[in-house]
PDB file of N, CA and C in Angstrom:
ATOM      1  N   MET A   1     -18.334  30.926  10.440  1.00  0.00           N
ATOM      2  CA  MET A   1     -18.433  30.217   9.177  1.00  0.00           C
ATOM      3  C   MET A   1     -18.358  28.716   9.444  1.00  0.00           C
ATOM      4  N   THR A   2     -19.305  27.983   8.943  1.00  0.00           N
ATOM      5  CA  THR A   2     -19.326  26.539   9.174  1.00  0.00           C
ATOM      6  C   THR A   2     -18.798  25.803   7.958  1.00  0.00           C
ATOM      7  N   GLN A   3     -18.202  24.667   8.222  1.00  0.00           N
ATOM      8  CA  GLN A   3     -17.695  23.811   7.147  1.00  0.00           C
ATOM      9  C   GLN A   3     -18.844  22.992   6.595  1.00  0.00           C
ATOM     10  N   GLY A   4     -18.903  22.875   5.279  1.00  0.00           N
ATOM     11  CA  GLY A   4     -19.930  22.053   4.660  1.00  0.00           C
ATOM     12  C   GLY A   4     -19.562  20.583   4.731  1.00  0.00           C
ATOM     13  N   LYS A   5     -20.545  19.765   4.481  1.00  0.00           N
ATOM     14  CA  LYS A   5     -20.316  18.326   4.464  1.00  0.00           C
ATOM     15  C   LYS A   5     -19.498  17.965   3.229  1.00  0.00           C
ATOM     16  N   ARG A   6     -18.478  17.158   3.395  1.00  0.00           N
ATOM     17  CA  ARG A   6     -17.615  16.770   2.282  1.00  0.00           C
ATOM     18  C   ARG A   6     -18.364  15.824   1.342  1.00  0.00           C
ATOM     19  N   VAL A   7     -18.310  16.126   0.067  1.00  0.00           N
ATOM     20  CA  VAL A   7     -19.013  15.325  -0.930  1.00  0.00           C
ATOM     21  C   VAL A   7     -18.002  14.423  -1.623  1.00  0.00           C
ATOM     22  N   GLU A   8     -18.207  13.126  -1.500  1.00  0.00           N
ATOM     23  CA  GLU A   8     -17.309  12.160  -2.117  1.00  0.00           C
ATOM     24  C   GLU A   8     -17.905  11.667  -3.433  1.00  0.00           C
ATOM     25  N   LEU A   9     -17.037  11.447  -4.401  1.00  0.00           N
ATOM     26  CA  LEU A   9     -17.447  10.888  -5.683  1.00  0.00           C
ATOM     27  C   LEU A   9     -16.745   9.549  -5.875  1.00  0.00           C
ATOM     28  N   SER A  10     -17.454   8.581  -6.404  1.00  0.00           N
ATOM     29  CA  SER A  10     -16.842   7.279  -6.683  1.00  0.00           C
ATOM     30  C   SER A  10     -15.909   7.415  -7.878  1.00  0.00           C
ATOM     31  N   ALA A  11     -15.113   6.397  -8.118  1.00  0.00           N
ATOM     32  CA  ALA A  11     -14.188   6.414  -9.255  1.00  0.00           C
ATOM     33  C   ALA A  11     -14.948   6.529 -10.576  1.00  0.00           C
ATOM     34  N   ALA A  12     -16.077   5.823 -10.667  1.00  0.00           N
ATOM     35  CA  ALA A  12     -16.882   5.886 -11.891  1.00  0.00           C
ATOM     36  C   ALA A  12     -17.468   7.280 -12.082  1.00  0.00           C
ATOM     37  N   GLN A  13     -17.905   7.903 -10.983  1.00  0.00           N
ATOM     38  CA  GLN A  13     -18.433   9.258 -11.075  1.00  0.00           C
ATOM     39  C   GLN A  13     -17.349  10.246 -11.490  1.00  0.00           C
ATOM     40  N   LYS A  14     -16.151  10.089 -10.943  1.00  0.00           N
ATOM     41  CA  LYS A  14     -15.050  10.985 -11.312  1.00  0.00           C
ATOM     42  C   LYS A  14     -14.728  10.860 -12.796  1.00  0.00           C
ATOM     43  N   THR A  15     -14.750   9.632 -13.309  1.00  0.00           N
ATOM     44  CA  THR A  15     -14.512   9.422 -14.738  1.00  0.00           C
ATOM     45  C   THR A  15     -15.590  10.135 -15.548  1.00  0.00           C
ATOM     46  N   GLY A  16     -16.828  10.024 -15.087  1.00  0.00           N
ATOM     47  CA  GLY A  16     -17.934  10.697 -15.759  1.00  0.00           C
ATOM     48  C   GLY A  16     -17.793  12.207 -15.732  1.00  0.00           C
ATOM     49  N   VAL A  17     -17.340  12.736 -14.601  1.00  0.00           N
ATOM     50  CA  VAL A  17     -17.121  14.185 -14.489  1.00  0.00           C
ATOM     51  C   VAL A  17     -16.091  14.630 -15.511  1.00  0.00           C
ATOM     52  N   TRP A  18     -14.971  13.904 -15.577  1.00  0.00           N
ATOM     53  CA  TRP A  18     -13.916  14.290 -16.513  1.00  0.00           C
ATOM     54  C   TRP A  18     -14.389  14.184 -17.960  1.00  0.00           C
ATOM     55  N   CYS A  19     -15.154  13.173 -18.300  1.00  0.00           N
ATOM     56  CA  CYS A  19     -15.679  13.032 -19.671  1.00  0.00           C
ATOM     57  C   CYS A  19     -16.595  14.202 -20.016  1.00  0.00           C
ATOM     58  N   ARG A  20     -17.479  14.549 -19.088  1.00  0.00           N
ATOM     59  CA  ARG A  20     -18.391  15.661 -19.327  1.00  0.00           C
ATOM     60  C   ARG A  20     -17.640  16.988 -19.410  1.00  0.00           C
ATOM     61  N   TRP A  21     -16.618  17.170 -18.565  1.00  0.00           N
ATOM     62  CA  TRP A  21     -15.825  18.390 -18.570  1.00  0.00           C
ATOM     63  C   TRP A  21     -15.095  18.540 -19.907  1.00  0.00           C
ATOM     64  N   LYS A  22     -14.518  17.437 -20.391  1.00  0.00           N
ATOM     65  CA  LYS A  22     -13.824  17.476 -21.679  1.00  0.00           C
ATOM     66  C   LYS A  22     -14.795  17.731 -22.831  1.00  0.00           C
ATOM     67  N   ALA A  23     -16.055  17.322 -22.663  1.00  0.00           N
ATOM     68  CA  ALA A  23     -17.067  17.546 -23.695  1.00  0.00           C
ATOM     69  C   ALA A  23     -17.580  18.989 -23.678  1.00  0.00           C
ATOM     70  N   GLY A  24     -17.184  19.762 -22.672  1.00  0.00           N
ATOM     71  CA  GLY A  24     -17.542  21.178 -22.632  1.00  0.00           C
ATOM     72  C   GLY A  24     -18.752  21.514 -21.788  1.00  0.00           C
ATOM     73  N   GLU A  25     -19.207  20.594 -20.957  1.00  0.00           N
ATOM     74  CA  GLU A  25     -20.360  20.880 -20.105  1.00  0.00           C
ATOM     75  C   GLU A  25     -19.958  21.813 -18.971  1.00  0.00           C
ATOM     76  N   SER A  26     -20.914  22.573 -18.478  1.00  0.00           N
ATOM     77  CA  SER A  26     -20.650  23.508 -17.383  1.00  0.00           C
ATOM     78  C   SER A  26     -20.621  22.772 -16.040  1.00  0.00           C
ATOM     79  N   LEU A  27     -20.082  23.449 -15.040  1.00  0.00           N
ATOM     80  CA  LEU A  27     -20.025  22.875 -13.694  1.00  0.00           C
ATOM     81  C   LEU A  27     -21.434  22.595 -13.171  1.00  0.00           C
ATOM     82  N   HIS A  28     -22.365  23.511 -13.434  1.00  0.00           N
ATOM     83  CA  HIS A  28     -23.737  23.340 -12.958  1.00  0.00           C
ATOM     84  C   HIS A  28     -24.396  22.126 -13.615  1.00  0.00           C
ATOM     85  N   THR A  29     -24.183  21.947 -14.903  1.00  0.00           N
ATOM     86  CA  THR A  29     -24.769  20.804 -15.614  1.00  0.00           C
ATOM     87  C   THR A  29     -24.183  19.496 -15.104  1.00  0.00           C
ATOM     88  N   ILE A  30     -22.886  19.463 -14.920  1.00  0.00           N
ATOM     89  CA  ILE A  30     -22.232  18.247 -14.410  1.00  0.00           C
ATOM     90  C   ILE A  30     -22.723  17.945 -13.000  1.00  0.00           C
ATOM     91  N   GLY A  31     -22.799  18.968 -12.166  1.00  0.00           N
ATOM     92  CA  GLY A  31     -23.280  18.785 -10.799  1.00  0.00           C
ATOM     93  C   GLY A  31     -24.687  18.219 -10.758  1.00  0.00           C
ATOM     94  N   ARG A  32     -25.568  18.757 -11.605  1.00  0.00           N
ATOM     95  CA  ARG A  32     -26.950  18.248 -11.648  1.00  0.00           C
ATOM     96  C   ARG A  32     -26.997  16.789 -12.105  1.00  0.00           C
ATOM     97  N   ALA A  33     -26.121  16.422 -13.041  1.00  0.00           N
ATOM     98  CA  ALA A  33     -26.105  15.052 -13.563  1.00  0.00           C
ATOM     99  C   ALA A  33     -25.740  14.048 -12.467  1.00  0.00           C
ATOM    100  N   PHE A  34     -24.919  14.459 -11.518  1.00  0.00           N
ATOM    101  CA  PHE A  34     -24.482  13.548 -10.452  1.00  0.00           C
ATOM    102  C   PHE A  34     -25.147  13.827  -9.113  1.00  0.00           C
ATOM    103  N   GLY A  35     -26.055  14.811  -9.090  1.00  0.00           N
ATOM    104  CA  GLY A  35     -26.741  15.139  -7.849  1.00  0.00           C
ATOM    105  C   GLY A  35     -25.821  15.737  -6.806  1.00  0.00           C
ATOM    106  N   LYS A  36     -24.810  16.461  -7.258  1.00  0.00           N
ATOM    107  CA  LYS A  36     -23.834  17.089  -6.362  1.00  0.00           C
ATOM    108  C   LYS A  36     -23.821  18.589  -6.620  1.00  0.00           C
ATOM    109  N   PRO A  37     -23.434  19.380  -5.639  1.00  0.00           N
ATOM    110  CA  PRO A  37     -23.330  20.815  -5.876  1.00  0.00           C
ATOM    111  C   PRO A  37     -22.182  21.125  -6.851  1.00  0.00           C
ATOM    112  N   HIS A  38     -22.344  22.188  -7.625  1.00  0.00           N
ATOM    113  CA  HIS A  38     -21.318  22.525  -8.608  1.00  0.00           C
ATOM    114  C   HIS A  38     -19.986  22.847  -7.953  1.00  0.00           C
ATOM    115  N   THR A  39     -20.019  23.278  -6.679  1.00  0.00           N
ATOM    116  CA  THR A  39     -18.772  23.607  -5.983  1.00  0.00           C
ATOM    117  C   THR A  39     -17.915  22.360  -5.756  1.00  0.00           C
ATOM    118  N   SER A  40     -18.556  21.213  -5.535  1.00  0.00           N
ATOM    119  CA  SER A  40     -17.775  19.983  -5.336  1.00  0.00           C
ATOM    120  C   SER A  40     -17.131  19.552  -6.653  1.00  0.00           C
ATOM    121  N   ILE A  41     -17.827  19.795  -7.762  1.00  0.00           N
ATOM    122  CA  ILE A  41     -17.254  19.490  -9.077  1.00  0.00           C
ATOM    123  C   ILE A  41     -16.073  20.417  -9.329  1.00  0.00           C
ATOM    124  N   HIS A  42     -16.245  21.690  -8.968  1.00  0.00           N
ATOM    125  CA  HIS A  42     -15.156  22.664  -9.147  1.00  0.00           C
ATOM    126  C   HIS A  42     -13.924  22.252  -8.344  1.00  0.00           C
ATOM    127  N   CYS A  43     -14.127  21.792  -7.125  1.00  0.00           N
ATOM    128  CA  CYS A  43     -12.996  21.382  -6.283  1.00  0.00           C
ATOM    129  C   CYS A  43     -12.213  20.237  -6.925  1.00  0.00           C
ATOM    130  N   LEU A  44     -12.933  19.263  -7.482  1.00  0.00           N
ATOM    131  CA  LEU A  44     -12.278  18.136  -8.142  1.00  0.00           C
ATOM    132  C   LEU A  44     -11.454  18.618  -9.334  1.00  0.00           C
ATOM    133  N   LEU A  45     -12.061  19.442 -10.159  1.00  0.00           N
ATOM    134  CA  LEU A  45     -11.376  19.925 -11.354  1.00  0.00           C
ATOM    135  C   LEU A  45     -10.211  20.843 -11.004  1.00  0.00           C
ATOM    136  N   ALA A  46     -10.413  21.732 -10.031  1.00  0.00           N
ATOM    137  CA  ALA A  46      -9.369  22.687  -9.652  1.00  0.00           C
ATOM    138  C   ALA A  46      -8.172  21.984  -9.034  1.00  0.00           C
ATOM    139  N   HIS A  47      -8.438  20.909  -8.307  1.00  0.00           N
ATOM    140  CA  HIS A  47      -7.348  20.174  -7.662  1.00  0.00           C
ATOM    141  C   HIS A  47      -6.344  19.659  -8.692  1.00  0.00           C
ATOM    142  N   HIS A  48      -6.829  19.341  -9.885  1.00  0.00           N
ATOM    143  CA  HIS A  48      -5.964  18.826 -10.951  1.00  0.00           C
ATOM    144  C   HIS A  48      -5.717  19.855 -12.052  1.00  0.00           C
ATOM    145  N   GLY A  49      -6.085  21.101 -11.783  1.00  0.00           N
ATOM    146  CA  GLY A  49      -5.845  22.155 -12.749  1.00  0.00           C
ATOM    147  C   GLY A  49      -6.684  22.036 -14.010  1.00  0.00           C
ATOM    148  N   GLY A  50      -7.808  21.333 -13.933  1.00  0.00           N
ATOM    149  CA  GLY A  50      -8.683  21.176 -15.084  1.00  0.00           C
ATOM    150  C   GLY A  50      -8.188  20.173 -16.110  1.00  0.00           C
ATOM    151  N   VAL A  51      -7.112  19.466 -15.772  1.00  0.00           N
ATOM    152  CA  VAL A  51      -6.535  18.479 -16.684  1.00  0.00           C
ATOM    153  C   VAL A  51      -6.752  17.088 -16.099  1.00  0.00           C
ATOM    154  N   VAL A  52      -7.199  16.167 -16.925  1.00  0.00           N
ATOM    155  CA  VAL A  52      -7.449  14.800 -16.468  1.00  0.00           C
ATOM    156  C   VAL A  52      -6.155  14.210 -15.900  1.00  0.00           C
ATOM    157  N   PRO A  53      -6.179  13.709 -14.659  1.00  0.00           N
ATOM    158  CA  PRO A  53      -4.962  13.120 -14.099  1.00  0.00           C
ATOM    159  C   PRO A  53      -4.578  11.836 -14.812  1.00  0.00           C
ATOM    160  N   ALA A  54      -3.286  11.583 -14.891  1.00  0.00           N
ATOM    161  CA  ALA A  54      -2.791  10.369 -15.538  1.00  0.00           C
ATOM    162  C   ALA A  54      -3.201   9.141 -14.724  1.00  0.00           C
ATOM    163  N   VAL A  55      -3.389   8.041 -15.404  1.00  0.00           N
ATOM    164  CA  VAL A  55      -3.730   6.785 -14.742  1.00  0.00           C
ATOM    165  C   VAL A  55      -2.516   6.334 -13.944  1.00  0.00           C
ATOM    166  N   ARG A  56      -2.756   5.965 -12.698  1.00  0.00           N
ATOM    167  CA  ARG A  56      -1.649   5.524 -11.854  1.00  0.00           C
ATOM    168  C   ARG A  56      -1.257   4.103 -12.223  1.00  0.00           C
ATOM    169  N   ARG A  57       0.032   3.899 -12.335  1.00  0.00           N
ATOM    170  CA  ARG A  57       0.553   2.563 -12.642  1.00  0.00           C
ATOM    171  C   ARG A  57       1.663   2.235 -11.659  1.00  0.00           C
ATOM    172  N   ARG A  58       1.765   0.983 -11.366  1.00  0.00           N
ATOM    173  CA  ARG A  58       2.823   0.527 -10.471  1.00  0.00           C
ATOM    174  C   ARG A  58       4.162   0.634 -11.180  1.00  0.00           C
ATOM    175  N   SER A  59       5.162   1.068 -10.479  1.00  0.00           N
ATOM    176  CA  SER A  59       6.493   1.206 -11.041  1.00  0.00           C
ATOM    177  C   SER A  59       7.039  -0.149 -11.485  1.00  0.00           C
ATOM    178  N   LEU A  60       7.772  -0.153 -12.579  1.00  0.00           N
ATOM    179  CA  LEU A  60       8.399  -1.391 -13.051  1.00  0.00           C
ATOM    180  C   LEU A  60       9.508  -1.848 -12.108  1.00  0.00           C
ATOM    181  N   LEU A  61       9.972  -0.934 -11.266  1.00  0.00           N
ATOM    182  CA  LEU A  61      11.024  -1.282 -10.312  1.00  0.00           C
ATOM    183  C   LEU A  61      10.472  -2.010  -9.084  1.00  0.00           C
ATOM    184  N   ALA A  62       9.172  -1.890  -8.838  1.00  0.00           N
ATOM    185  CA  ALA A  62       8.562  -2.540  -7.683  1.00  0.00           C
ATOM    186  C   ALA A  62       8.516  -4.053  -7.900  1.00  0.00           C
ATOM    187  N   LEU A  63       8.695  -4.780  -6.823  1.00  0.00           N
ATOM    188  CA  LEU A  63       8.638  -6.241  -6.903  1.00  0.00           C
ATOM    189  C   LEU A  63       7.210  -6.699  -7.189  1.00  0.00           C
ATOM    190  N   THR A  64       7.081  -7.694  -8.034  1.00  0.00           N
ATOM    191  CA  THR A  64       5.769  -8.254  -8.345  1.00  0.00           C
ATOM    192  C   THR A  64       5.402  -9.288  -7.283  1.00  0.00           C
ATOM    193  N   LEU A  65       4.151  -9.701  -7.291  1.00  0.00           N
ATOM    194  CA  LEU A  65       3.713 -10.729  -6.350  1.00  0.00           C
ATOM    195  C   LEU A  65       4.483 -12.026  -6.577  1.00  0.00           C
ATOM    196  N   ALA A  66       4.724 -12.381  -7.835  1.00  0.00           N
ATOM    197  CA  ALA A  66       5.470 -13.613  -8.133  1.00  0.00           C
ATOM    198  C   ALA A  66       6.887 -13.536  -7.568  1.00  0.00           C
ATOM    199  N   GLU A  67       7.527 -12.376  -7.670  1.00  0.00           N
ATOM    200  CA  GLU A  67       8.874 -12.220  -7.119  1.00  0.00           C
ATOM    201  C   GLU A  67       8.851 -12.302  -5.597  1.00  0.00           C
ATOM    202  N   ARG A  68       7.836 -11.714  -4.977  1.00  0.00           N
ATOM    203  CA  ARG A  68       7.734 -11.797  -3.512  1.00  0.00           C
ATOM    204  C   ARG A  68       7.485 -13.226  -3.062  1.00  0.00           C
ATOM    205  N   GLU A  69       6.729 -13.983  -3.859  1.00  0.00           N
ATOM    206  CA  GLU A  69       6.507 -15.394  -3.530  1.00  0.00           C
ATOM    207  C   GLU A  69       7.804 -16.184  -3.650  1.00  0.00           C
ATOM    208  N   ASP A  70       8.629 -15.889  -4.658  1.00  0.00           N
ATOM    209  CA  ASP A  70       9.939 -16.539  -4.795  1.00  0.00           C
ATOM    210  C   ASP A  70      10.807 -16.243  -3.579  1.00  0.00           C
ATOM    211  N   ILE A  71      10.762 -15.010  -3.116  1.00  0.00           N
ATOM    212  CA  ILE A  71      11.538 -14.624  -1.930  1.00  0.00           C
ATOM    213  C   ILE A  71      11.035 -15.402  -0.718  1.00  0.00           C
ATOM    214  N   SER A  72       9.717 -15.487  -0.578  1.00  0.00           N
ATOM    215  CA  SER A  72       9.129 -16.204   0.554  1.00  0.00           C
ATOM    216  C   SER A  72       9.529 -17.682   0.542  1.00  0.00           C
ATOM    217  N   ARG A  73       9.493 -18.309  -0.646  1.00  0.00           N
ATOM    218  CA  ARG A  73       9.898 -19.713  -0.759  1.00  0.00           C
ATOM    219  C   ARG A  73      11.377 -19.891  -0.431  1.00  0.00           C
ATOM    220  N   GLY A  74      12.192 -18.954  -0.898  1.00  0.00           N
ATOM    221  CA  GLY A  74      13.624 -19.031  -0.613  1.00  0.00           C
ATOM    222  C   GLY A  74      13.916 -18.924   0.874  1.00  0.00           C
ATOM    223  N   ILE A  75      13.193 -18.050   1.549  1.00  0.00           N
ATOM    224  CA  ILE A  75      13.364 -17.907   3.000  1.00  0.00           C
ATOM    225  C   ILE A  75      12.930 -19.183   3.695  1.00  0.00           C
ATOM    226  N   ALA A  76      11.823 -19.765   3.247  1.00  0.00           N
ATOM    227  CA  ALA A  76      11.330 -21.000   3.858  1.00  0.00           C
ATOM    228  C   ALA A  76      12.322 -22.143   3.694  1.00  0.00           C
ATOM    229  N   CYS A  77      13.056 -22.153   2.572  1.00  0.00           N
ATOM    230  CA  CYS A  77      14.061 -23.195   2.326  1.00  0.00           C
ATOM    231  C   CYS A  77      15.371 -22.927   3.063  1.00  0.00           C
ATOM    232  N   GLY A  78      15.517 -21.726   3.611  1.00  0.00           N
ATOM    233  CA  GLY A  78      16.742 -21.377   4.317  1.00  0.00           C
ATOM    234  C   GLY A  78      17.853 -20.894   3.406  1.00  0.00           C
ATOM    235  N   SER A  79      17.525 -20.488   2.189  1.00  0.00           N
ATOM    236  CA  SER A  79      18.531 -19.998   1.238  1.00  0.00           C
ATOM    237  C   SER A  79      19.061 -18.639   1.665  1.00  0.00           C
ATOM    238  N   SER A  80      20.243 -18.317   1.193  1.00  0.00           N
ATOM    239  CA  SER A  80      20.828 -17.004   1.483  1.00  0.00           C
ATOM    240  C   SER A  80      20.135 -15.954   0.617  1.00  0.00           C
ATOM    241  N   ILE A  81      20.287 -14.704   1.010  1.00  0.00           N
ATOM    242  CA  ILE A  81      19.687 -13.595   0.268  1.00  0.00           C
ATOM    243  C   ILE A  81      20.228 -13.563  -1.158  1.00  0.00           C
ATOM    244  N   ARG A  82      21.521 -13.816  -1.324  1.00  0.00           N
ATOM    245  CA  ARG A  82      22.115 -13.813  -2.668  1.00  0.00           C
ATOM    246  C   ARG A  82      21.525 -14.912  -3.550  1.00  0.00           C
ATOM    247  N   ASP A  83      21.327 -16.087  -2.984  1.00  0.00           N
ATOM    248  CA  ASP A  83      20.725 -17.186  -3.753  1.00  0.00           C
ATOM    249  C   ASP A  83      19.273 -16.874  -4.119  1.00  0.00           C
ATOM    250  N   ILE A  84      18.555 -16.271  -3.182  1.00  0.00           N
ATOM    251  CA  ILE A  84      17.163 -15.909  -3.437  1.00  0.00           C
ATOM    252  C   ILE A  84      17.095 -14.862  -4.553  1.00  0.00           C
ATOM    253  N   ALA A  85      18.017 -13.930  -4.561  1.00  0.00           N
ATOM    254  CA  ALA A  85      18.013 -12.833  -5.539  1.00  0.00           C
ATOM    255  C   ALA A  85      18.315 -13.312  -6.956  1.00  0.00           C
ATOM    256  N   LYS A  86      18.952 -14.455  -7.099  1.00  0.00           N
ATOM    257  CA  LYS A  86      19.303 -14.952  -8.438  1.00  0.00           C
ATOM    258  C   LYS A  86      18.070 -15.360  -9.236  1.00  0.00           C
ATOM    259  N   CYS A  87      17.078 -15.920  -8.596  1.00  0.00           N
ATOM    260  CA  CYS A  87      15.892 -16.416  -9.313  1.00  0.00           C
ATOM    261  C   CYS A  87      15.110 -15.289 -10.000  1.00  0.00           C
ATOM    262  N   PRO A  88      14.725 -14.226  -9.298  1.00  0.00           N
ATOM    263  CA  PRO A  88      14.010 -13.156 -10.000  1.00  0.00           C
ATOM    264  C   PRO A  88      14.946 -12.166 -10.705  1.00  0.00           C
ATOM    265  N   GLU A  89      16.246 -12.456 -10.691  1.00  0.00           N
ATOM    266  CA  GLU A  89      17.255 -11.583 -11.295  1.00  0.00           C
ATOM    267  C   GLU A  89      17.162 -10.157 -10.750  1.00  0.00           C
ATOM    268  N   ARG A  90      17.162 -10.067  -9.442  1.00  0.00           N
ATOM    269  CA  ARG A  90      17.164  -8.787  -8.736  1.00  0.00           C
ATOM    270  C   ARG A  90      18.458  -8.678  -7.949  1.00  0.00           C
ATOM    271  N   ALA A  91      18.813  -7.464  -7.598  1.00  0.00           N
ATOM    272  CA  ALA A  91      19.995  -7.253  -6.781  1.00  0.00           C
ATOM    273  C   ALA A  91      19.744  -7.805  -5.381  1.00  0.00           C
ATOM    274  N   ALA A  92      20.796  -8.316  -4.779  1.00  0.00           N
ATOM    275  CA  ALA A  92      20.669  -8.864  -3.426  1.00  0.00           C
ATOM    276  C   ALA A  92      20.213  -7.777  -2.451  1.00  0.00           C
ATOM    277  N   SER A  93      20.637  -6.550  -2.680  1.00  0.00           N
ATOM    278  CA  SER A  93      20.234  -5.457  -1.789  1.00  0.00           C
ATOM    279  C   SER A  93      18.728  -5.200  -1.877  1.00  0.00           C
ATOM    280  N   THR A  94      18.147  -5.367  -3.064  1.00  0.00           N
ATOM    281  CA  THR A  94      16.702  -5.190  -3.230  1.00  0.00           C
ATOM    282  C   THR A  94      15.947  -6.233  -2.415  1.00  0.00           C
ATOM    283  N   VAL A  95      16.379  -7.471  -2.521  1.00  0.00           N
ATOM    284  CA  VAL A  95      15.739  -8.559  -1.780  1.00  0.00           C
ATOM    285  C   VAL A  95      15.928  -8.351  -0.284  1.00  0.00           C
ATOM    286  N   SER A  96      17.120  -7.950   0.114  1.00  0.00           N
ATOM    287  CA  SER A  96      17.398  -7.726   1.522  1.00  0.00           C
ATOM    288  C   SER A  96      16.508  -6.625   2.100  1.00  0.00           C
ATOM    289  N   ARG A  97      16.350  -5.520   1.363  1.00  0.00           N
ATOM    290  CA  ARG A  97      15.486  -4.428   1.823  1.00  0.00           C
ATOM    291  C   ARG A  97      14.025  -4.874   1.904  1.00  0.00           C
ATOM    292  N   GLU A  98      13.583  -5.656   0.930  1.00  0.00           N
ATOM    293  CA  GLU A  98      12.206  -6.158   0.931  1.00  0.00           C
ATOM    294  C   GLU A  98      11.950  -7.013   2.169  1.00  0.00           C
ATOM    295  N   VAL A  99      12.866  -7.897   2.478  1.00  0.00           N
ATOM    296  CA  VAL A  99      12.710  -8.782   3.643  1.00  0.00           C
ATOM    297  C   VAL A  99      12.737  -7.966   4.930  1.00  0.00           C
ATOM    298  N   ALA A 100      13.695  -7.038   5.030  1.00  0.00           N
ATOM    299  CA  ALA A 100      13.808  -6.217   6.244  1.00  0.00           C
ATOM    300  C   ALA A 100      12.579  -5.334   6.433  1.00  0.00           C
ATOM    301  N   ARG A 101      12.047  -4.801   5.344  1.00  0.00           N
ATOM    302  CA  ARG A 101      10.895  -3.902   5.396  1.00  0.00           C
ATOM    303  C   ARG A 101       9.655  -4.603   5.932  1.00  0.00           C
ATOM    304  N   HIS A 102       9.585  -5.910   5.748  1.00  0.00           N
ATOM    305  CA  HIS A 102       8.381  -6.636   6.138  1.00  0.00           C
ATOM    306  C   HIS A 102       8.614  -7.644   7.253  1.00  0.00           C
ATOM    307  N   GLY A 103       9.446  -7.280   8.203  1.00  0.00           N
ATOM    308  CA  GLY A 103       9.577  -8.065   9.419  1.00  0.00           C
ATOM    309  C   GLY A 103      10.755  -9.001   9.499  1.00  0.00           C
ATOM    310  N   GLY A 104      11.611  -9.024   8.509  1.00  0.00           N
ATOM    311  CA  GLY A 104      12.771  -9.902   8.541  1.00  0.00           C
ATOM    312  C   GLY A 104      12.399 -11.334   8.183  1.00  0.00           C
ATOM    313  N   ARG A 105      13.386 -12.213   8.251  1.00  0.00           N
ATOM    314  CA  ARG A 105      13.176 -13.610   7.858  1.00  0.00           C
ATOM    315  C   ARG A 105      12.064 -14.317   8.630  1.00  0.00           C
ATOM    316  N   PRO A 106      11.959 -14.127   9.947  1.00  0.00           N
ATOM    317  CA  PRO A 106      10.931 -14.882  10.678  1.00  0.00           C
ATOM    318  C   PRO A 106       9.493 -14.500  10.315  1.00  0.00           C
ATOM    319  N   GLU A 107       9.260 -13.255   9.895  1.00  0.00           N
ATOM    320  CA  GLU A 107       7.892 -12.786   9.683  1.00  0.00           C
ATOM    321  C   GLU A 107       7.554 -12.491   8.235  1.00  0.00           C
ATOM    322  N   TYR A 108       8.471 -12.663   7.306  1.00  0.00           N
ATOM    323  CA  TYR A 108       8.221 -12.280   5.922  1.00  0.00           C
ATOM    324  C   TYR A 108       7.140 -13.139   5.282  1.00  0.00           C
ATOM    325  N   ARG A 109       6.173 -12.492   4.626  1.00  0.00           N
ATOM    326  CA  ARG A 109       5.123 -13.158   3.859  1.00  0.00           C
ATOM    327  C   ARG A 109       5.014 -12.450   2.524  1.00  0.00           C
ATOM    328  N   ALA A 110       4.760 -13.191   1.476  1.00  0.00           N
ATOM    329  CA  ALA A 110       4.703 -12.614   0.137  1.00  0.00           C
ATOM    330  C   ALA A 110       3.505 -11.687  -0.037  1.00  0.00           C
ATOM    331  N   SER A 111       2.389 -11.997   0.583  1.00  0.00           N
ATOM    332  CA  SER A 111       1.188 -11.170   0.416  1.00  0.00           C
ATOM    333  C   SER A 111       0.793 -10.602   1.770  1.00  0.00           C
ATOM    334  N   GLY A 112      -0.412 -10.048   1.802  1.00  0.00           N
ATOM    335  CA  GLY A 112      -0.895  -9.515   3.070  1.00  0.00           C
ATOM    336  C   GLY A 112      -0.665  -8.026   3.200  1.00  0.00           C
ATOM    337  N   ARG A 113      -0.535  -7.359   2.068  1.00  0.00           N
ATOM    338  CA  ARG A 113      -0.328  -5.904   2.102  1.00  0.00           C
ATOM    339  C   ARG A 113      -1.593  -5.208   1.797  1.00  0.00           C
TER     340      ARG A 113
END
């Protein structure tokens, strides 16, 4: 048994698949509309149980780019972790973990992820 070639769908195509699926179109009709085999459409739908997946959003607990830039400026000025944490009103442990996770004080950069 040979493996078939994996069929990739763009984000716009996936949105179109879900819209057509919710409108009640068959797998064969959707597949023909996108020039893909109906089995690839089935795989996409089955992976999510036939329910449109929720839009992914960044957690409110994650540091924003502006907060990371404040941390970077504080490190450049030689401020302590506690002083740096006061500006974005974050816990010192959060700032400390962020700095340690990205190379420590000598290598920390706000962007580049």
